[in-house]
Each structure stands twice: as structure tokens, then as C-alpha cells.
C-alpha atoms as a PDB file:
ATOM      1  CA  UNK A   1    -111.705 -21.790  64.892  1.00  0.00           C
ATOM      2  CA  UNK A   2    -109.841 -18.986  66.592  1.00  0.00           C
ATOM      3  CA  UNK A   3    -108.530 -16.478  64.076  1.00  0.00           C
ATOM      4  CA  UNK A   4    -109.000 -13.481  66.354  1.00  0.00           C
ATOM      5  CA  UNK A   5    -105.335 -12.458  66.292  1.00  0.00           C
ATOM      6  CA  UNK A   6    -102.648 -12.651  63.592  1.00  0.00           C
ATOM      7  CA  UNK A   7    -100.797 -15.257  65.681  1.00  0.00           C
ATOM      8  CA  UNK A   8    -103.947 -17.380  66.114  1.00  0.00           C
ATOM      9  CA  UNK A   9    -104.516 -17.234  62.347  1.00  0.00           C
ATOM     10  CA  UNK A  10    -100.906 -18.317  61.696  1.00  0.00           C
ATOM     11  CA  UNK A  11    -101.361 -21.264  64.091  1.00  0.00           C
ATOM     12  CA  UNK A  12    -104.542 -22.327  62.269  1.00  0.00           C
ATOM     13  CA  UNK A  13    -102.727 -22.151  58.941  1.00  0.00           C
ATOM     14  CA  UNK A  14     -99.926 -24.335  60.356  1.00  0.00           C
ATOM     15  CA  UNK A  15    -102.400 -26.971  61.541  1.00  0.00           C
ATOM     16  CA  UNK A  16    -104.452 -26.939  58.345  1.00  0.00           C
ATOM     17  CA  UNK A  17    -101.509 -26.998  55.970  1.00  0.00           C
ATOM     18  CA  UNK A  18     -99.582 -29.690  57.830  1.00  0.00           C
ATOM     19  CA  UNK A  19    -102.625 -31.964  57.888  1.00  0.00           C
ATOM     20  CA  UNK A  20    -102.359 -32.207  54.074  1.00  0.00           C
ATOM     21  CA  UNK A  21     -98.593 -31.710  53.693  1.00  0.00           C
ATOM     22  CA  UNK A  22     -97.681 -35.241  52.726  1.00  0.00           C
ATOM     23  CA  UNK A  23     -94.187 -34.277  51.549  1.00  0.00           C
ATOM     24  CA  UNK A  24     -93.250 -32.680  54.879  1.00  0.00           C
ATOM     25  CA  UNK A  25     -94.737 -35.598  56.778  1.00  0.00           C
ATOM     26  CA  UNK A  26     -92.887 -38.188  54.667  1.00  0.00           C
ATOM     27  CA  UNK A  27     -89.593 -36.388  55.251  1.00  0.00           C
ATOM     28  CA  UNK A  28     -90.170 -36.231  59.009  1.00  0.00           C
ATOM     29  CA  UNK A  29     -90.403 -32.436  59.078  1.00  0.00           C
ATOM     30  CA  UNK A  30     -91.826 -30.525  62.016  1.00  0.00           C
ATOM     31  CA  UNK A  31     -93.137 -26.958  61.850  1.00  0.00           C
ATOM     32  CA  UNK A  32     -91.676 -25.947  65.200  1.00  0.00           C
ATOM     33  CA  UNK A  33     -92.502 -22.226  65.076  1.00  0.00           C
ATOM     34  CA  UNK A  34     -94.869 -19.990  63.158  1.00  0.00           C
ATOM     35  CA  UNK A  35     -95.798 -16.337  63.348  1.00  0.00           C
ATOM     36  CA  UNK A  36     -97.081 -13.873  60.759  1.00  0.00           C
ATOM     37  CA  UNK A  37     -94.391 -13.813  58.059  1.00  0.00           C
ATOM     38  CA  UNK A  38     -92.107 -16.276  59.882  1.00  0.00           C
ATOM     39  CA  UNK A  39     -91.717 -20.037  60.205  1.00  0.00           C
ATOM     40  CA  UNK A  40     -89.179 -22.568  61.415  1.00  0.00           C
ATOM     41  CA  UNK A  41     -89.203 -26.124  60.101  1.00  0.00           C
ATOM     42  CA  UNK A  42     -86.870 -28.903  61.253  1.00  0.00           C
ATOM     43  CA  UNK A  43     -85.779 -32.203  59.715  1.00  0.00           C
ATOM     44  CA  UNK A  44     -83.315 -34.870  60.834  1.00  0.00           C
ATOM     45  CA  UNK A  45     -81.063 -36.156  58.048  1.00  0.00           C
ATOM     46  CA  UNK A  46     -81.749 -39.884  57.603  1.00  0.00           C
ATOM     47  CA  UNK A  47     -79.798 -42.558  55.738  1.00  0.00           C
ATOM     48  CA  UNK A  48     -82.273 -42.456  52.829  1.00  0.00           C
ATOM     49  CA  UNK A  49     -81.630 -38.699  52.412  1.00  0.00           C
ATOM     50  CA  UNK A  50     -77.927 -39.100  51.606  1.00  0.00           C
ATOM     51  CA  UNK A  51     -76.574 -38.718  48.093  1.00  0.00           C
ATOM     52  CA  UNK A  52     -73.618 -40.553  46.531  1.00  0.00           C
ATOM     53  CA  UNK A  53     -71.180 -38.440  48.560  1.00  0.00           C
ATOM     54  CA  UNK A  54     -72.805 -39.412  51.879  1.00  0.00           C
ATOM     55  CA  UNK A  55     -74.176 -35.897  52.439  1.00  0.00           C
ATOM     56  CA  UNK A  56     -77.781 -34.728  52.504  1.00  0.00           C
ATOM     57  CA  UNK A  57     -79.101 -34.379  48.972  1.00  0.00           C
ATOM     58  CA  UNK A  58     -79.308 -30.703  47.988  1.00  0.00           C
ATOM     59  CA  UNK A  59     -82.859 -31.171  46.763  1.00  0.00           C
ATOM     60  CA  UNK A  60     -83.914 -32.216  50.254  1.00  0.00           C
ATOM     61  CA  UNK A  61     -82.179 -29.231  51.864  1.00  0.00           C
ATOM     62  CA  UNK A  62     -84.029 -27.077  49.333  1.00  0.00           C
ATOM     63  CA  UNK A  63     -87.306 -28.835  50.159  1.00  0.00           C
ATOM     64  CA  UNK A  64     -86.795 -28.055  53.849  1.00  0.00           C
ATOM     65  CA  UNK A  65     -86.174 -24.363  53.118  1.00  0.00           C
ATOM     66  CA  UNK A  66     -89.085 -24.247  50.657  1.00  0.00           C
ATOM     67  CA  UNK A  67     -91.368 -25.723  53.309  1.00  0.00           C
ATOM     68  CA  UNK A  68     -90.423 -23.048  55.853  1.00  0.00           C
ATOM     69  CA  UNK A  69     -90.969 -20.437  53.131  1.00  0.00           C
ATOM     70  CA  UNK A  70     -94.416 -21.877  52.358  1.00  0.00           C
ATOM     71  CA  UNK A  71     -95.557 -21.736  55.965  1.00  0.00           C
ATOM     72  CA  UNK A  72     -94.177 -18.211  56.446  1.00  0.00           C
ATOM     73  CA  UNK A  73     -95.875 -16.743  53.385  1.00  0.00           C
ATOM     74  CA  UNK A  74     -99.192 -18.548  53.978  1.00  0.00           C
ATOM     75  CA  UNK A  75     -99.287 -17.505  57.647  1.00  0.00           C
ATOM     76  CA  UNK A  76    -101.574 -14.569  56.824  1.00  0.00           C
ATOM     77  CA  UNK A  77    -104.344 -16.959  55.786  1.00  0.00           C
ATOM     78  CA  UNK A  78    -104.414 -16.324  52.036  1.00  0.00           C
ATOM     79  CA  UNK A  79    -103.335 -18.966  49.514  1.00  0.00           C
ATOM     80  CA  UNK A  80     -99.757 -18.112  48.574  1.00  0.00           C
ATOM     81  CA  UNK A  81     -97.417 -20.028  46.272  1.00  0.00           C
ATOM     82  CA  UNK A  82     -93.807 -19.716  45.173  1.00  0.00           C
ATOM     83  CA  UNK A  83     -93.124 -17.817  41.981  1.00  0.00           C
ATOM     84  CA  UNK A  84     -89.348 -18.380  42.152  1.00  0.00           C
ATOM     85  CA  UNK A  85     -86.603 -19.551  44.476  1.00  0.00           C
ATOM     86  CA  UNK A  86     -82.849 -19.484  44.630  1.00  0.00           C
ATOM     87  CA  UNK A  87     -80.635 -21.475  46.963  1.00  0.00           C
ATOM     88  CA  UNK A  88     -76.941 -21.489  47.766  1.00  0.00           C
ATOM     89  CA  UNK A  89     -75.362 -24.428  49.580  1.00  0.00           C
ATOM     90  CA  UNK A  90     -72.557 -23.370  51.902  1.00  0.00           C
ATOM     91  CA  UNK A  91     -71.860 -26.563  53.904  1.00  0.00           C
ATOM     92  CA  UNK A  92     -73.037 -30.174  53.803  1.00  0.00           C
ATOM     93  CA  UNK A  93     -75.770 -31.683  55.906  1.00  0.00           C
ATOM     94  CA  UNK A  94     -74.648 -35.007  57.355  1.00  0.00           C
ATOM     95  CA  UNK A  95     -76.322 -38.167  58.596  1.00  0.00           C
ATOM     96  CA  UNK A  96     -78.035 -37.478  61.920  1.00  0.00           C
ATOM     97  CA  UNK A  97     -77.897 -33.679  61.610  1.00  0.00           C
ATOM     98  CA  UNK A  98     -80.959 -31.815  62.833  1.00  0.00           C
ATOM     99  CA  UNK A  99     -81.469 -29.174  60.151  1.00  0.00           C
ATOM    100  CA  UNK A 100     -83.552 -26.096  60.952  1.00  0.00           C
ATOM    101  CA  UNK A 101     -84.883 -23.776  58.271  1.00  0.00           C
ATOM    102  CA  UNK A 102     -85.800 -20.301  59.542  1.00  0.00           C
ATOM    103  CA  UNK A 103     -87.837 -18.280  57.034  1.00  0.00           C
ATOM    104  CA  UNK A 104     -88.751 -14.627  57.466  1.00  0.00           C
ATOM    105  CA  UNK A 105     -90.500 -12.030  55.392  1.00  0.00           C
ATOM    106  CA  UNK A 106     -88.338  -9.395  53.732  1.00  0.00           C
ATOM    107  CA  UNK A 107     -91.097  -7.641  51.786  1.00  0.00           C
ATOM    108  CA  UNK A 108     -94.817  -8.129  51.155  1.00  0.00           C
ATOM    109  CA  UNK A 109     -96.799  -5.783  48.950  1.00  0.00           C
ATOM    110  CA  UNK A 110     -99.936  -6.410  46.930  1.00  0.00           C
ATOM    111  CA  UNK A 111     -99.822  -9.975  45.632  1.00  0.00           C
ATOM    112  CA  UNK A 112     -96.055 -10.503  45.880  1.00  0.00           C
ATOM    113  CA  UNK A 113     -93.577 -11.131  48.646  1.00  0.00           C
ATOM    114  CA  UNK A 114     -89.916 -11.874  49.240  1.00  0.00           C
ATOM    115  CA  UNK A 115     -88.760 -14.258  51.968  1.00  0.00           C
ATOM    116  CA  UNK A 116     -85.287 -15.241  53.105  1.00  0.00           C
ATOM    117  CA  UNK A 117     -84.468 -18.524  54.766  1.00  0.00           C
ATOM    118  CA  UNK A 118     -81.359 -19.932  56.389  1.00  0.00           C
ATOM    119  CA  UNK A 119     -80.825 -23.627  56.966  1.00  0.00           C
ATOM    120  CA  UNK A 120     -78.553 -24.447  59.903  1.00  0.00           C
ATOM    121  CA  UNK A 121     -77.497 -27.642  61.622  1.00  0.00           C
ATOM    122  CA  UNK A 122     -77.762 -28.400  65.342  1.00  0.00           C
ATOM    123  CA  UNK A 123     -74.393 -26.694  65.943  1.00  0.00           C
ATOM    124  CA  UNK A 124     -75.712 -23.465  64.413  1.00  0.00           C
ATOM    125  CA  UNK A 125     -73.547 -23.864  61.317  1.00  0.00           C
ATOM    126  CA  UNK A 126     -75.106 -22.487  58.144  1.00  0.00           C
ATOM    127  CA  UNK A 127     -75.845 -25.179  55.548  1.00  0.00           C
ATOM    128  CA  UNK A 128     -77.771 -23.147  52.956  1.00  0.00           C
ATOM    129  CA  UNK A 129     -79.289 -19.767  52.230  1.00  0.00           C
ATOM    130  CA  UNK A 130     -82.524 -19.505  50.272  1.00  0.00           C
ATOM    131  CA  UNK A 131     -84.615 -16.678  48.847  1.00  0.00           C
ATOM    132  CA  UNK A 132     -88.196 -17.228  47.759  1.00  0.00           C
ATOM    133  CA  UNK A 133     -90.566 -14.962  45.900  1.00  0.00           C
ATOM    134  CA  UNK A 134     -94.259 -15.499  46.493  1.00  0.00           C
ATOM    135  CA  UNK A 135     -97.533 -14.799  44.748  1.00  0.00           C
ATOM    136  CA  UNK A 136    -100.780 -14.495  46.721  1.00  0.00           C
ATOM    137  CA  UNK A 137    -104.158 -15.462  45.261  1.00  0.00           C
ATOM    138  CA  UNK A 138    -106.168 -12.691  46.918  1.00  0.00           C
ATOM    139  CA  UNK A 139    -109.409 -13.783  48.507  1.00  0.00           C
ATOM    140  CA  UNK A 140    -108.559 -17.509  48.475  1.00  0.00           C
ATOM    141  CA  UNK A 141    -107.964 -19.121  51.867  1.00  0.00           C
ATOM    142  CA  UNK A 142    -104.661 -20.835  52.633  1.00  0.00           C
ATOM    143  CA  UNK A 143    -106.475 -23.792  54.208  1.00  0.00           C
ATOM    144  CA  UNK A 144    -109.948 -25.258  53.815  1.00  0.00           C
ATOM    145  CA  UNK A 145    -110.928 -24.561  57.437  1.00  0.00           C
ATOM    146  CA  UNK A 146    -110.596 -20.821  56.773  1.00  0.00           C
ATOM    147  CA  UNK A 147    -113.104 -21.112  53.914  1.00  0.00           C
ATOM    148  CA  UNK A 148    -115.449 -23.407  55.823  1.00  0.00           C
ATOM    149  CA  UNK A 149    -115.339 -22.689  59.578  1.00  0.00           C
ATOM    150  CA  UNK A 150    -117.379 -25.832  60.226  1.00  0.00           C
ATOM    151  CA  UNK A 151    -114.754 -28.052  58.576  1.00  0.00           C
ATOM    152  CA  UNK A 152    -112.891 -28.781  61.803  1.00  0.00           C
END
């Protein structure tokens, strides 16, 4: 496994996390970009993602943003989880929209971090804004392959 640079480590985290990320896989998400402290995750709004108003369910928009947040804060290779999130919906996601969640690090110190994420549609229109606070379990690897280099 190549973890010789911060970018190589982030790529390994993306591969290792996505392999076991059944929620992201089931929702058709794709981690299209990753870098230390940053991630972009995309999802196309399907028929089964619409609520009673024929717009993308807010919980699924939140899940998309939370997924980008997870990849961004784990990109350093240490197991990191959400301690809190907040989300504001500013426009609806509609059937067929390609939603992109772009998460970036605002602050990271000690065991805690703050990450902001914007969800936009394929036209660049903002759908939601999200802020996540993270907690890092120091010394614990984000993915199994980082703990056991022979695992892959």
C-alpha cells in the first residue's frame, strides 16, 4: 500500500472506506474526489429517493453531505466520526438531478475538527449547506488496510 504522501494516504482511505460503505453503494454514490481534508461525493436523484412532494428526501440530501464529510475527515488515515451535524436546505433536489457534495476542512486541532459542505445540483445551484463536527480516535486507523498492510 502506498501511503508515502498525504494524497496517497487519502486515496487509500477512499478505497478502503468505500469497499465497506454499504449505504453509499446502495444510494449509488461515487466519491469523485478526495484530498487531505477534502472530498466530493455525487449521487443521482432516483425515483425511490423522492418524498411525498416529489423532491429528494431531506434525509438523503443529508446522507450525501454526511458521506462527503466522512471521507474528508477520515482522509488523514485516523478513524474519525461525527460528533454533530447541522444542515440547512435551500432548494429542492429533483428527479434526475446529479447532486454533488463538496466537503472541506475548516479547522482541525487535537481530536476535533469542523468541516463545511455544500450540496449543489448539476446546474451549480445550491441545494443544502451542512456543517459537521468530528472526533478522531487517535492511533486507530480509518481503514483496516492501514492497520494490516498485508490485508490488500
